Protein backbone atom coordinates (compact mmCIF):
# COMPACT_ATOMS: atom_id res chain seq x y z
CA MET A 1 76.39 -15.13 -33.98
CA HIS A 2 73.25 -14.92 -32.66
CA PRO A 3 70.01 -17.50 -33.49
CA LYS A 4 67.53 -16.23 -34.80
CA GLY A 5 64.92 -18.48 -35.64
CA GLY A 6 67.58 -21.08 -37.47
CA GLN A 7 69.62 -17.78 -38.60
CA LEU A 8 73.02 -16.67 -37.41
CA THR A 9 72.78 -12.91 -37.47
CA PHE A 10 76.53 -11.60 -36.89
CA GLU A 11 77.08 -7.67 -36.89
CA HIS A 12 80.55 -5.81 -36.72
CA ILE A 13 82.03 -2.01 -37.47
CA VAL A 14 85.42 -1.19 -38.71
CA GLN A 15 86.19 2.05 -37.88
CA ILE A 16 88.28 3.92 -41.06
CA ASN A 17 89.40 7.11 -39.73
CA ASP A 18 90.17 7.92 -36.42
CA LEU A 19 89.86 11.86 -35.99
CA THR A 20 91.82 11.82 -32.59
CA LYS A 21 94.93 10.00 -34.64
CA PRO A 22 95.86 13.08 -37.39
CA GLU A 23 98.95 11.43 -38.19
CA LEU A 24 96.89 8.14 -39.97
CA PRO A 25 96.08 8.73 -43.43
CA VAL A 26 92.10 10.03 -43.78
CA LEU A 27 90.40 7.93 -46.41
CA THR A 28 87.57 9.63 -48.44
CA ARG A 29 83.98 7.92 -48.37
CA PHE A 30 84.84 7.69 -52.41
CA GLN A 31 87.77 5.91 -51.58
CA VAL A 32 86.41 3.48 -49.33
CA TRP A 33 83.13 2.70 -52.30
CA GLU A 34 85.48 2.09 -54.69
CA GLY A 35 87.78 -0.13 -52.79
CA LEU A 36 84.34 -2.30 -51.69
CA VAL A 37 83.22 -2.16 -55.22
CA LEU A 38 86.30 -3.49 -56.30
CA ARG A 39 86.24 -6.20 -53.57
CA ALA A 40 82.71 -7.23 -55.13
CA ARG A 41 84.44 -7.48 -58.65
CA ARG A 42 87.84 -8.31 -57.72
CA PRO A 43 87.43 -11.03 -55.42
CA ASP A 44 91.21 -12.84 -55.36
CA LYS A 45 92.42 -9.26 -54.33
CA PHE A 46 90.26 -9.62 -51.05
CA LEU A 47 89.42 -13.10 -50.21
CA VAL A 48 92.04 -15.94 -49.15
CA GLY A 49 91.11 -18.89 -51.40
CA VAL A 50 89.32 -17.98 -53.94
CA ASP A 51 90.95 -20.09 -57.18
CA ASP A 52 89.08 -18.45 -59.55
CA TYR A 53 86.02 -16.58 -60.06
CA GLU A 54 83.88 -15.33 -63.30
CA ILE A 55 81.13 -12.38 -63.94
CA LEU A 56 78.16 -13.95 -64.80
CA ASP A 57 76.01 -10.51 -65.37
CA GLN A 58 76.16 -6.72 -64.68
CA GLY A 59 74.22 -4.26 -64.83
CA PRO A 60 74.50 -0.17 -63.32
CA ALA A 61 74.17 -1.32 -60.01
CA TYR A 62 73.94 -5.25 -59.93
CA LEU A 63 76.67 -7.84 -60.54
CA LYS A 64 76.19 -12.07 -60.78
CA ARG A 65 79.26 -14.13 -59.93
CA SER A 66 80.39 -16.88 -59.58
CA LEU A 67 83.89 -18.11 -57.31
CA GLN A 68 85.64 -21.04 -57.38
CA LEU A 69 86.63 -22.46 -53.26
CA PRO A 70 88.63 -25.01 -52.46
CA GLY A 71 86.07 -28.12 -53.02
CA LEU A 72 83.24 -25.03 -53.43
CA GLN A 73 81.61 -23.35 -55.80
CA VAL A 74 79.63 -20.39 -54.36
CA VAL A 75 76.95 -18.32 -57.04
CA ASP A 76 75.93 -14.65 -55.62
CA GLU A 77 74.48 -11.84 -56.19
CA VAL A 78 75.90 -8.16 -55.31
CA THR A 79 73.75 -5.16 -55.44
CA PHE A 80 75.75 -1.52 -55.02
CA TRP A 81 73.87 1.63 -53.72
CA HIS A 82 76.24 4.45 -54.73
CA GLU A 83 78.67 4.95 -51.74
CA ALA A 84 76.33 3.90 -49.55
CA ARG A 85 75.91 0.06 -49.06
CA ILE A 86 77.08 -3.18 -51.02
CA GLU A 87 74.83 -6.01 -50.56
CA TYR A 88 75.75 -9.70 -50.66
CA ARG A 89 72.70 -12.62 -51.59
CA THR A 90 74.81 -16.11 -51.72
CA GLN A 91 72.34 -18.99 -53.66
CA PRO A 92 71.84 -21.87 -51.44
CA THR A 93 73.35 -25.04 -52.75
CA ALA A 94 73.36 -28.43 -51.50
CA THR A 95 76.39 -27.70 -49.43
CA LEU A 96 76.20 -24.11 -48.59
CA PRO A 97 73.19 -22.25 -46.80
CA ALA A 98 71.63 -18.72 -48.80
CA ALA A 99 73.67 -16.55 -47.07
CA THR A 100 73.85 -12.19 -46.69
CA LEU A 101 76.47 -9.93 -46.43
CA VAL A 102 75.63 -5.82 -46.04
CA MET A 103 78.19 -3.48 -45.98
CA ASP A 104 77.40 0.22 -44.84
CA ILE A 105 79.52 2.77 -45.18
CA GLU A 106 78.30 5.21 -42.21
CA GLU A 107 79.96 9.03 -41.40
CA PRO A 108 78.72 9.94 -38.19
CA GLU A 109 80.20 13.25 -38.49
CA PRO A 110 81.74 14.84 -41.25
CA ALA A 111 85.12 12.67 -42.45
CA SER A 112 84.33 10.05 -39.77
CA LEU A 113 83.84 6.82 -41.28
CA PHE A 114 83.36 3.63 -40.36
CA VAL A 115 81.58 0.18 -42.15
CA ARG A 116 79.04 -1.79 -40.98
CA PHE A 117 79.18 -5.58 -41.82
CA ARG A 118 76.79 -7.64 -41.12
CA TYR A 119 76.00 -11.35 -41.96
CA GLU A 120 73.02 -13.35 -41.76
CA THR A 121 73.43 -17.38 -42.73
CA ALA A 122 71.70 -20.55 -41.28
CA SER A 123 72.61 -21.73 -38.53
CA ILE A 124 75.18 -24.58 -38.43
CA GLU A 125 75.40 -26.96 -35.90
CA ASN A 126 77.95 -28.02 -34.57
CA ARG A 127 79.95 -31.15 -34.74
CA GLY A 128 81.69 -31.14 -31.34
CA ASP A 129 84.33 -29.02 -32.40
CA SER A 130 86.57 -27.01 -29.80
CA MET A 131 85.53 -23.85 -31.06
CA PRO A 132 81.75 -23.74 -31.89
CA TYR A 133 81.34 -23.32 -35.28
CA ASP A 134 79.63 -20.09 -35.14
CA GLN A 135 82.14 -18.68 -33.02
CA TYR A 136 84.85 -19.43 -35.40
CA LEU A 137 82.91 -18.20 -38.68
CA GLU A 138 82.33 -14.81 -37.41
CA GLN A 139 86.66 -14.63 -35.86
CA ALA A 140 86.87 -15.76 -39.94
CA TYR A 141 84.40 -12.91 -41.11
CA VAL A 142 85.85 -10.04 -38.84
CA ALA A 143 89.21 -10.86 -39.59
CA THR A 144 88.36 -11.09 -43.27
CA ASP A 145 86.93 -7.28 -42.71
CA ILE A 146 89.51 -6.06 -40.88
CA GLU A 147 91.70 -6.83 -43.47
CA THR A 148 89.62 -5.67 -46.63
CA ILE A 149 89.77 -2.06 -44.93
CA GLN A 150 93.66 -2.59 -44.96
CA ILE A 151 93.90 -3.57 -48.70
CA ILE A 152 91.43 -0.70 -49.58
CA ARG A 153 94.16 1.58 -47.48
CA GLN A 154 97.55 0.22 -49.22
CA LEU A 155 95.74 1.03 -53.04
CA ALA A 156 94.60 4.55 -51.93
CA GLU A 157 97.52 5.18 -50.69
CA THR A 158 98.88 4.34 -54.50
CA GLY A 159 96.63 6.10 -55.54
CA VAL A 160 94.04 4.02 -57.11
CA PHE A 161 90.55 5.78 -56.28
CA CYS A 162 90.95 9.49 -57.28
């Protein structure tokens, strides 16, 4: 993460299809998209610690949710750009700063798919822990995003996204 005027920004890319390894199953843009949409609609399948969630409002390209995490309630709004981008905007609370997560599906060449994850949140000062909090958060984001793609792969193999 990189401080930007009190903001922390961090991005990373997860490769979906490795065209140099034909033994790996190739996912379609549609399958990746459906998986990312499912992450928004069913956070309990993707995010560790989601005790409960509720869809508060929804439209064709919009979703507002409330997530119950251990000792924390998160309300966010999710906007969908069909088969291209999903944007999460977490509403600030007394204990949680506003945050944004943008997931872009990128295809630099046909069937070569990647998902770029971009995070932006208010900086959280380190409280003398052994690892800076920002670094811990960055590692947690990467682990969660890699796991998201693994779950999408598993679901695609079962034929869920046909």
